[in-house]
C-alpha atoms as a PDB file:
ATOM      1  CA  MET A   1    -122.076  36.587  -2.395  1.00  0.00           C
ATOM      2  CA  THR A   2    -119.018  35.510  -0.430  1.00  0.00           C
ATOM      3  CA  ILE A   3    -119.567  33.089   2.452  1.00  0.00           C
ATOM      4  CA  TRP A   4    -116.952  33.066   5.217  1.00  0.00           C
ATOM      5  CA  THR A   5    -116.436  29.673   6.866  1.00  0.00           C
ATOM      6  CA  PRO A   6    -114.217  28.912   9.896  1.00  0.00           C
ATOM      7  CA  THR A   7    -111.602  26.187   9.438  1.00  0.00           C
ATOM      8  CA  ARG A   8    -110.003  26.342  12.871  1.00  0.00           C
ATOM      9  CA  HIS A   9    -111.357  24.607  15.965  1.00  0.00           C
ATOM     10  CA  TYR A  10    -110.904  26.187  19.392  1.00  0.00           C
ATOM     11  CA  THR A  11    -111.054  24.148  22.574  1.00  0.00           C
ATOM     12  CA  ASP A  12    -112.103  27.357  24.364  1.00  0.00           C
ATOM     13  CA  GLN A  13    -115.881  27.547  23.836  1.00  0.00           C
ATOM     14  CA  GLN A  14    -115.836  31.329  24.111  1.00  0.00           C
ATOM     15  CA  MET A  15    -113.354  31.612  21.234  1.00  0.00           C
ATOM     16  CA  GLU A  16    -115.370  29.105  19.201  1.00  0.00           C
ATOM     17  CA  ARG A  17    -118.507  31.220  19.633  1.00  0.00           C
ATOM     18  CA  LEU A  18    -116.682  34.431  18.738  1.00  0.00           C
ATOM     19  CA  GLN A  19    -115.295  32.825  15.593  1.00  0.00           C
ATOM     20  CA  ALA A  20    -118.762  31.726  14.462  1.00  0.00           C
ATOM     21  CA  TRP A  21    -120.146  35.215  15.099  1.00  0.00           C
ATOM     22  CA  VAL A  22    -117.324  36.825  13.119  1.00  0.00           C
ATOM     23  CA  ALA A  23    -117.948  34.498  10.159  1.00  0.00           C
ATOM     24  CA  GLU A  24    -121.643  35.409  10.135  1.00  0.00           C
ATOM     25  CA  MET A  25    -120.922  39.134  10.332  1.00  0.00           C
ATOM     26  CA  MET A  26    -118.168  39.029   7.687  1.00  0.00           C
ATOM     27  CA  THR A  27    -120.594  37.452   5.249  1.00  0.00           C
ATOM     28  CA  ALA A  28    -123.182  40.135   6.013  1.00  0.00           C
ATOM     29  CA  CYS A  29    -120.855  43.170   5.819  1.00  0.00           C
ATOM     30  CA  GLU A  30    -118.947  42.728   2.562  1.00  0.00           C
ATOM     31  CA  ALA A  31    -121.310  44.854   0.445  1.00  0.00           C
ATOM     32  CA  GLN A  32    -121.022  47.777   2.871  1.00  0.00           C
ATOM     33  CA  ALA A  33    -117.234  47.397   2.957  1.00  0.00           C
ATOM     34  CA  LEU A  34    -117.067  47.498  -0.821  1.00  0.00           C
ATOM     35  CA  GLU A  35    -119.188  50.654  -0.965  1.00  0.00           C
ATOM     36  CA  LEU A  36    -117.077  52.430   1.668  1.00  0.00           C
ATOM     37  CA  GLY A  37    -113.723  51.197   0.352  1.00  0.00           C
ATOM     38  CA  ILE A  38    -112.662  49.699   3.677  1.00  0.00           C
ATOM     39  CA  SER A  39    -112.089  46.147   4.871  1.00  0.00           C
ATOM     40  CA  PRO A  40    -115.098  44.121   6.077  1.00  0.00           C
ATOM     41  CA  GLU A  41    -113.028  43.421   9.212  1.00  0.00           C
ATOM     42  CA  MET A  42    -113.247  47.146   9.992  1.00  0.00           C
ATOM     43  CA  ILE A  43    -117.038  47.047  10.012  1.00  0.00           C
ATOM     44  CA  VAL A  44    -117.212  43.803  11.970  1.00  0.00           C
ATOM     45  CA  GLY A  45    -114.653  45.232  14.395  1.00  0.00           C
ATOM     46  CA  GLN A  46    -116.871  48.218  15.098  1.00  0.00           C
ATOM     47  CA  ALA A  47    -119.874  45.936  15.584  1.00  0.00           C
ATOM     48  CA  ALA A  48    -117.818  43.764  17.944  1.00  0.00           C
ATOM     49  CA  GLY A  49    -116.715  46.784  19.938  1.00  0.00           C
ATOM     50  CA  GLU A  50    -120.195  48.263  20.179  1.00  0.00           C
ATOM     51  CA  SER A  51    -121.937  45.001  21.101  1.00  0.00           C
ATOM     52  CA  ASP A  52    -119.208  43.006  22.922  1.00  0.00           C
ATOM     53  CA  TRP A  53    -119.002  40.558  20.012  1.00  0.00           C
ATOM     54  CA  GLY A  54    -122.781  40.327  19.790  1.00  0.00           C
ATOM     55  CA  ARG A  55    -123.258  39.387  23.438  1.00  0.00           C
ATOM     56  CA  ALA A  56    -124.461  42.800  24.585  1.00  0.00           C
ATOM     57  CA  ALA A  57    -126.365  43.767  21.444  1.00  0.00           C
ATOM     58  CA  ILE A  58    -129.397  45.896  22.262  1.00  0.00           C
ATOM     59  CA  GLY A  59    -132.015  43.776  20.537  1.00  0.00           C
ATOM     60  CA  HIS A  60    -130.284  43.214  17.193  1.00  0.00           C
ATOM     61  CA  ASN A  61    -128.607  46.629  17.406  1.00  0.00           C
ATOM     62  CA  ILE A  62    -124.927  45.704  17.055  1.00  0.00           C
ATOM     63  CA  PHE A  63    -123.699  49.231  16.260  1.00  0.00           C
ATOM     64  CA  GLY A  64    -125.120  50.985  19.328  1.00  0.00           C
ATOM     65  CA  ILE A  65    -127.232  53.442  17.319  1.00  0.00           C
ATOM     66  CA  LYS A  66    -129.535  55.547  19.480  1.00  0.00           C
ATOM     67  CA  ALA A  67    -133.154  56.220  18.528  1.00  0.00           C
ATOM     68  CA  ASP A  68    -133.253  59.858  17.456  1.00  0.00           C
ATOM     69  CA  ALA A  69    -136.248  61.767  16.061  1.00  0.00           C
ATOM     70  CA  SER A  70    -135.793  60.181  12.629  1.00  0.00           C
ATOM     71  CA  TRP A  71    -136.382  56.668  14.005  1.00  0.00           C
ATOM     72  CA  HIS A  72    -139.952  55.366  13.972  1.00  0.00           C
ATOM     73  CA  GLY A  73    -139.322  51.718  14.837  1.00  0.00           C
ATOM     74  CA  PRO A  74    -139.166  49.823  18.150  1.00  0.00           C
ATOM     75  CA  VAL A  75    -137.020  51.261  20.931  1.00  0.00           C
ATOM     76  CA  LEU A  76    -135.197  49.723  23.898  1.00  0.00           C
ATOM     77  CA  MET A  77    -133.988  51.761  26.871  1.00  0.00           C
ATOM     78  CA  GLN A  78    -130.427  50.927  27.889  1.00  0.00           C
ATOM     79  CA  ARG A  79    -127.909  52.256  30.421  1.00  0.00           C
ATOM     80  CA  THR A  80    -124.690  53.188  28.640  1.00  0.00           C
ATOM     81  CA  ALA A  81    -121.309  54.734  29.472  1.00  0.00           C
ATOM     82  CA  GLU A  82    -120.226  58.073  27.999  1.00  0.00           C
ATOM     83  CA  GLN A  83    -116.991  60.043  28.294  1.00  0.00           C
ATOM     84  CA  THR A  84    -116.218  63.747  28.532  1.00  0.00           C
ATOM     85  CA  PRO A  85    -113.245  65.167  26.572  1.00  0.00           C
ATOM     86  CA  ASP A  86    -111.083  64.928  29.707  1.00  0.00           C
ATOM     87  CA  GLY A  87    -111.820  61.205  29.923  1.00  0.00           C
ATOM     88  CA  SER A  88    -114.268  61.260  32.837  1.00  0.00           C
ATOM     89  CA  VAL A  89    -116.881  58.511  32.599  1.00  0.00           C
ATOM     90  CA  TYR A  90    -120.556  58.999  33.311  1.00  0.00           C
ATOM     91  CA  TYR A  91    -123.671  56.926  32.656  1.00  0.00           C
ATOM     92  CA  ILE A  92    -126.975  57.738  31.008  1.00  0.00           C
ATOM     93  CA  THR A  93    -130.084  55.771  30.140  1.00  0.00           C
ATOM     94  CA  ALA A  94    -130.921  56.319  26.474  1.00  0.00           C
ATOM     95  CA  PRO A  95    -133.306  54.947  23.830  1.00  0.00           C
ATOM     96  CA  PHE A  96    -131.688  52.635  21.281  1.00  0.00           C
ATOM     97  CA  ARG A  97    -133.043  51.356  17.980  1.00  0.00           C
ATOM     98  CA  ASP A  98    -134.281  47.769  17.990  1.00  0.00           C
ATOM     99  CA  TYR A  99    -134.086  45.796  14.747  1.00  0.00           C
ATOM    100  CA  PRO A 100    -135.795  42.544  13.748  1.00  0.00           C
ATOM    101  CA  SER A 101    -132.467  41.037  12.584  1.00  0.00           C
ATOM    102  CA  PHE A 102    -128.736  41.690  12.340  1.00  0.00           C
ATOM    103  CA  LYS A 103    -129.138  42.330   8.605  1.00  0.00           C
ATOM    104  CA  GLU A 104    -131.488  45.245   9.250  1.00  0.00           C
ATOM    105  CA  SER A 105    -129.009  46.560  11.813  1.00  0.00           C
ATOM    106  CA  ILE A 106    -126.145  46.461   9.301  1.00  0.00           C
ATOM    107  CA  ASP A 107    -128.236  48.057   6.550  1.00  0.00           C
ATOM    108  CA  ASP A 108    -129.411  50.843   8.854  1.00  0.00           C
ATOM    109  CA  TRP A 109    -125.850  51.486  10.088  1.00  0.00           C
ATOM    110  CA  LEU A 110    -124.766  52.554   6.606  1.00  0.00           C
ATOM    111  CA  ALA A 111    -128.022  54.457   6.047  1.00  0.00           C
ATOM    112  CA  PHE A 112    -127.521  56.218   9.393  1.00  0.00           C
ATOM    113  CA  LEU A 113    -124.039  57.361   8.343  1.00  0.00           C
ATOM    114  CA  LYS A 114    -125.410  58.645   5.045  1.00  0.00           C
ATOM    115  CA  ARG A 115    -128.320  60.510   6.639  1.00  0.00           C
ATOM    116  CA  ASN A 116    -126.156  62.438   9.088  1.00  0.00           C
ATOM    117  CA  ARG A 117    -124.179  65.162   7.322  1.00  0.00           C
ATOM    118  CA  ASN A 118    -121.538  65.339  10.065  1.00  0.00           C
ATOM    119  CA  TYR A 119    -120.124  61.972   8.946  1.00  0.00           C
ATOM    120  CA  ALA A 120    -119.677  63.120   5.372  1.00  0.00           C
ATOM    121  CA  GLU A 121    -118.075  66.337   6.624  1.00  0.00           C
ATOM    122  CA  ALA A 122    -115.765  64.292   8.856  1.00  0.00           C
ATOM    123  CA  GLY A 123    -114.533  62.283   5.852  1.00  0.00           C
ATOM    124  CA  VAL A 124    -116.212  58.933   6.474  1.00  0.00           C
ATOM    125  CA  PHE A 125    -117.066  58.412   2.801  1.00  0.00           C
ATOM    126  CA  THR A 126    -113.767  59.618   1.377  1.00  0.00           C
ATOM    127  CA  ALA A 127    -111.421  57.811   3.765  1.00  0.00           C
ATOM    128  CA  HIS A 128    -111.093  54.545   1.779  1.00  0.00           C
ATOM    129  CA  ASP A 129    -108.713  53.331   4.487  1.00  0.00           C
ATOM    130  CA  ASP A 130    -109.442  51.591   7.776  1.00  0.00           C
ATOM    131  CA  VAL A 131    -107.414  53.920  10.004  1.00  0.00           C
ATOM    132  CA  LEU A 132    -108.698  57.066   8.301  1.00  0.00           C
ATOM    133  CA  PHE A 133    -112.249  55.698   8.470  1.00  0.00           C
ATOM    134  CA  ALA A 134    -111.961  55.089  12.221  1.00  0.00           C
ATOM    135  CA  GLN A 135    -110.581  58.585  12.742  1.00  0.00           C
ATOM    136  CA  ALA A 136    -113.408  60.057  10.655  1.00  0.00           C
ATOM    137  CA  LEU A 137    -116.024  58.245  12.757  1.00  0.00           C
ATOM    138  CA  LYS A 138    -114.487  59.781  15.858  1.00  0.00           C
ATOM    139  CA  ARG A 139    -114.458  63.267  14.285  1.00  0.00           C
ATOM    140  CA  GLY A 140    -118.088  62.766  13.325  1.00  0.00           C
ATOM    141  CA  GLN A 141    -118.834  62.097  17.016  1.00  0.00           C
ATOM    142  CA  TYR A 142    -120.106  58.558  16.548  1.00  0.00           C
ATOM    143  CA  ALA A 143    -119.005  57.862  20.127  1.00  0.00           C
ATOM    144  CA  THR A 144    -117.760  59.901  23.076  1.00  0.00           C
ATOM    145  CA  ALA A 145    -114.894  57.532  24.002  1.00  0.00           C
ATOM    146  CA  VAL A 146    -111.700  59.582  23.818  1.00  0.00           C
ATOM    147  CA  ASN A 147    -109.727  56.706  22.272  1.00  0.00           C
ATOM    148  CA  TYR A 148    -112.522  55.524  19.973  1.00  0.00           C
ATOM    149  CA  ALA A 149    -110.484  55.462  16.740  1.00  0.00           C
ATOM    150  CA  GLU A 150    -107.660  53.464  18.327  1.00  0.00           C
ATOM    151  CA  TYR A 151    -110.181  51.127  19.925  1.00  0.00           C
ATOM    152  CA  LEU A 152    -111.811  50.408  16.547  1.00  0.00           C
ATOM    153  CA  ILE A 153    -108.476  49.498  14.971  1.00  0.00           C
ATOM    154  CA  GLN A 154    -107.720  47.199  17.888  1.00  0.00           C
ATOM    155  CA  MET A 155    -111.074  45.496  17.378  1.00  0.00           C
ATOM    156  CA  ARG A 156    -110.458  45.190  13.629  1.00  0.00           C
ATOM    157  CA  ASP A 157    -107.141  43.468  14.333  1.00  0.00           C
ATOM    158  CA  SER A 158    -108.860  41.083  16.746  1.00  0.00           C
ATOM    159  CA  VAL A 159    -111.368  40.225  14.003  1.00  0.00           C
ATOM    160  CA  ARG A 160    -108.471  39.527  11.629  1.00  0.00           C
ATOM    161  CA  HIS A 161    -107.151  36.975  14.077  1.00  0.00           C
ATOM    162  CA  PHE A 162    -110.277  34.949  13.295  1.00  0.00           C
ATOM    163  CA  THR A 163    -110.579  35.663   9.569  1.00  0.00           C
ATOM    164  CA  ALA A 164    -106.965  34.602   8.961  1.00  0.00           C
ATOM    165  CA  SER A 165    -108.103  30.987   9.381  1.00  0.00           C
ATOM    166  CA  MET A 166    -111.355  31.206   7.405  1.00  0.00           C
ATOM    167  CA  THR A 167    -112.143  30.178   3.861  1.00  0.00           C
ATOM    168  CA  ARG A 168    -114.400  32.059   1.464  1.00  0.00           C
ATOM    169  CA  SER A 169    -116.735  30.514  -1.070  1.00  0.00           C
ATOM    170  CA  GLY A 170    -117.240  32.587  -4.207  1.00  0.00           C
ATOM    171  CA  GLU A 171    -114.935  35.261  -5.523  1.00  0.00           C
ATOM    172  CA  PRO A 172    -114.633  38.347  -3.298  1.00  0.00           C
ATOM    173  CA  PRO A 173    -115.077  41.746  -4.997  1.00  0.00           C
ATOM    174  CA  SER A 174    -111.840  42.880  -6.642  1.00  0.00           C
ATOM    175  CA  SER A 175    -111.560  46.042  -4.562  1.00  0.00           C
ATOM    176  CA  LEU A 176    -111.625  43.953  -1.391  1.00  0.00           C
ATOM    177  CA  VAL A 177    -108.790  41.779  -2.695  1.00  0.00           C
ATOM    178  CA  GLN A 178    -106.677  44.916  -2.988  1.00  0.00           C
ATOM    179  CA  LEU A 179    -107.376  45.702   0.648  1.00  0.00           C
ATOM    180  CA  ALA A 180    -106.147  42.323   1.878  1.00  0.00           C
ATOM    181  CA  VAL A 181    -103.223  42.510   4.319  1.00  0.00           C
ATOM    182  CA  PRO A 182    -101.316  39.865   6.265  1.00  0.00           C
ATOM    183  CA  ALA A 183    -102.971  38.922   9.523  1.00  0.00           C
ATOM    184  CA  PRO A 184    -101.303  40.493  12.572  1.00  0.00           C
ATOM    185  CA  PRO A 185     -99.970  38.335  15.406  1.00  0.00           C
ATOM    186  CA  PRO A 186    -102.827  36.770  17.405  1.00  0.00           C
ATOM    187  CA  PRO A 187    -104.072  39.178  20.087  1.00  0.00           C
ATOM    188  CA  PRO A 188    -104.476  38.031  23.674  1.00  0.00           C
ATOM    189  CA  ARG A 189    -107.812  36.393  24.317  1.00  0.00           C
ATOM    190  CA  LEU A 190    -110.600  38.425  25.843  1.00  0.00           C
ATOM    191  CA  LEU A 191    -110.731  37.982  29.602  1.00  0.00           C
ATOM    192  CA  ILE A 192    -114.235  38.259  31.038  1.00  0.00           C
ATOM    193  CA  ILE A 193    -116.280  36.963  33.961  1.00  0.00           C
ATOM    194  CA  GLY A 194    -115.792  33.195  33.982  1.00  0.00           C
ATOM    195  CA  SER A 195    -112.376  33.182  32.291  1.00  0.00           C
ATOM    196  CA  HIS A 196    -109.634  31.292  34.098  1.00  0.00           C
ATOM    197  CA  GLY A 197    -105.992  30.416  33.593  1.00  0.00           C
ATOM    198  CA  GLY A 198    -102.489  31.799  33.736  1.00  0.00           C
ATOM    199  CA  ASP A 199    -103.345  34.909  31.730  1.00  0.00           C
ATOM    200  CA  VAL A 200    -106.038  35.808  34.277  1.00  0.00           C
ATOM    201  CA  LYS A 201    -103.499  35.331  37.073  1.00  0.00           C
ATOM    202  CA  ALA A 202    -101.061  37.638  35.261  1.00  0.00           C
ATOM    203  CA  LEU A 203    -103.856  40.188  34.868  1.00  0.00           C
ATOM    204  CA  GLN A 204    -104.640  40.024  38.583  1.00  0.00           C
ATOM    205  CA  ALA A 205    -100.957  40.473  39.435  1.00  0.00           C
ATOM    206  CA  ALA A 206    -100.702  43.548  37.213  1.00  0.00           C
ATOM    207  CA  LEU A 207    -103.852  45.037  38.764  1.00  0.00           C
ATOM    208  CA  LYS A 208    -102.498  44.322  42.247  1.00  0.00           C
ATOM    209  CA  THR A 209     -99.318  46.216  41.339  1.00  0.00           C
ATOM    210  CA  GLN A 210    -101.541  49.156  40.407  1.00  0.00           C
ATOM    211  CA  GLY A 211    -103.182  48.969  43.838  1.00  0.00           C
ATOM    212  CA  LEU A 212    -106.547  48.108  42.285  1.00  0.00           C
ATOM    213  CA  TYR A 213    -106.901  44.422  43.161  1.00  0.00           C
ATOM    214  CA  ALA A 214    -106.767  43.062  46.701  1.00  0.00           C
ATOM    215  CA  GLY A 215    -107.897  39.491  46.093  1.00  0.00           C
ATOM    216  CA  GLU A 216    -106.020  36.229  45.661  1.00  0.00           C
ATOM    217  CA  LEU A 217    -103.986  35.548  42.516  1.00  0.00           C
ATOM    218  CA  ASP A 218    -106.140  32.517  41.767  1.00  0.00           C
ATOM    219  CA  GLY A 219    -106.485  32.851  37.997  1.00  0.00           C
ATOM    220  CA  GLN A 220    -110.288  33.076  38.295  1.00  0.00           C
ATOM    221  CA  PHE A 221    -111.917  36.120  36.654  1.00  0.00           C
ATOM    222  CA  GLY A 222    -114.695  36.987  39.061  1.00  0.00           C
ATOM    223  CA  PRO A 223    -116.539  40.145  40.128  1.00  0.00           C
ATOM    224  CA  MET A 224    -113.564  41.466  42.123  1.00  0.00           C
ATOM    225  CA  THR A 225    -111.268  41.162  39.103  1.00  0.00           C
ATOM    226  CA  ALA A 226    -113.881  42.777  36.846  1.00  0.00           C
ATOM    227  CA  ALA A 227    -114.229  45.696  39.277  1.00  0.00           C
ATOM    228  CA  ALA A 228    -110.448  46.178  39.290  1.00  0.00           C
ATOM    229  CA  VAL A 229    -110.392  46.127  35.482  1.00  0.00           C
ATOM    230  CA  ARG A 230    -113.125  48.774  35.349  1.00  0.00           C
ATOM    231  CA  ALA A 231    -111.215  50.956  37.818  1.00  0.00           C
ATOM    232  CA  PHE A 232    -108.050  50.663  35.722  1.00  0.00           C
ATOM    233  CA  GLN A 233    -109.928  51.434  32.507  1.00  0.00           C
ATOM    234  CA  ALA A 234    -111.508  54.542  34.022  1.00  0.00           C
ATOM    235  CA  ALA A 235    -108.139  55.787  35.299  1.00  0.00           C
ATOM    236  CA  SER A 236    -106.516  55.092  31.911  1.00  0.00           C
ATOM    237  CA  TYR A 237    -109.233  56.757  29.771  1.00  0.00           C
ATOM    238  CA  LEU A 238    -110.173  53.421  28.232  1.00  0.00           C
ATOM    239  CA  VAL A 239    -113.674  52.188  27.439  1.00  0.00           C
ATOM    240  CA  VAL A 240    -115.030  51.075  30.822  1.00  0.00           C
ATOM    241  CA  ASP A 241    -116.582  47.652  30.281  1.00  0.00           C
ATOM    242  CA  GLY A 242    -114.798  45.362  32.781  1.00  0.00           C
ATOM    243  CA  ILE A 243    -113.445  43.251  29.899  1.00  0.00           C
ATOM    244  CA  ALA A 244    -109.682  42.887  29.560  1.00  0.00           C
ATOM    245  CA  GLY A 245    -109.094  42.906  25.811  1.00  0.00           C
ATOM    246  CA  GLN A 246    -105.973  43.781  23.851  1.00  0.00           C
ATOM    247  CA  LEU A 247    -106.106  47.506  24.655  1.00  0.00           C
ATOM    248  CA  THR A 248    -106.519  47.018  28.406  1.00  0.00           C
ATOM    249  CA  GLN A 249    -103.949  44.226  28.614  1.00  0.00           C
ATOM    250  CA  GLY A 250    -101.506  46.282  26.559  1.00  0.00           C
ATOM    251  CA  ALA A 251    -101.931  49.279  28.859  1.00  0.00           C
ATOM    252  CA  LEU A 252    -101.090  46.988  31.781  1.00  0.00           C
ATOM    253  CA  GLY A 253     -97.948  45.792  30.027  1.00  0.00           C
ATOM    254  CA  LEU A 254     -99.391  42.340  29.308  1.00  0.00           C
ATOM    255  CA  GLY A 255     -99.475  42.583  25.528  1.00  0.00           C
ATOM    256  CA  PRO A 256     -98.545  44.745  22.558  1.00  0.00           C
ATOM    257  CA  ARG A 257     -99.361  48.431  22.904  1.00  0.00           C
ATOM    258  CA  LEU A 258    -101.232  50.283  20.155  1.00  0.00           C
ATOM    259  CA  ASN A 259     -99.312  53.141  18.531  1.00  0.00           C
END
């Protein structure tokens, strides 16, 4: 078993927490990555996107899997955003699976993909490539977000920002070594309620230019900034979560755009 260990120290406590979470998830996801022929960062990236880096996990459900008729375990009701094909956002309250641990969540994620024939038909198990895997998940209707495949790749790249400065104990499986790629340039940090600094001020300025933010350019990410981010995300057919990550900042011209 390969253990991922952070070697970099962040002065930002949020980044420090995210790094520790990524290390834990990377260690837990390598077997699934090997079986699917994709990078473990791809799996952790999906978990990060579905659970806001573990912060919004429904119980221990980090992949956002709903409780269908095949599920006989505990259930938690949760309000969640959905999108129509034209990008309109609406909200529903749905039952989600609740797991006793993250390990059970990861194990059931792969079992869930195997049990549902639409994922095999969409090419999930024959992709053997991160981008093709993300596209197959979208074709299999894992999520209704219109840009879901692009979003997953963005999250994978954000995970790689952390794993680039981690060490691994034990030899990784040979097929995973072949999948190794150079880490991309560091993405902008996630901007959420409580964030502050020059990047928040730049975000506020960009939102003001869009006519979505009427507050002061004070560099403090508060409820008014979050509301403006949500409004921009809805208008841009992005996942509406009020968090300014790489995709949202890129769409505002504050960072690299995804192709």
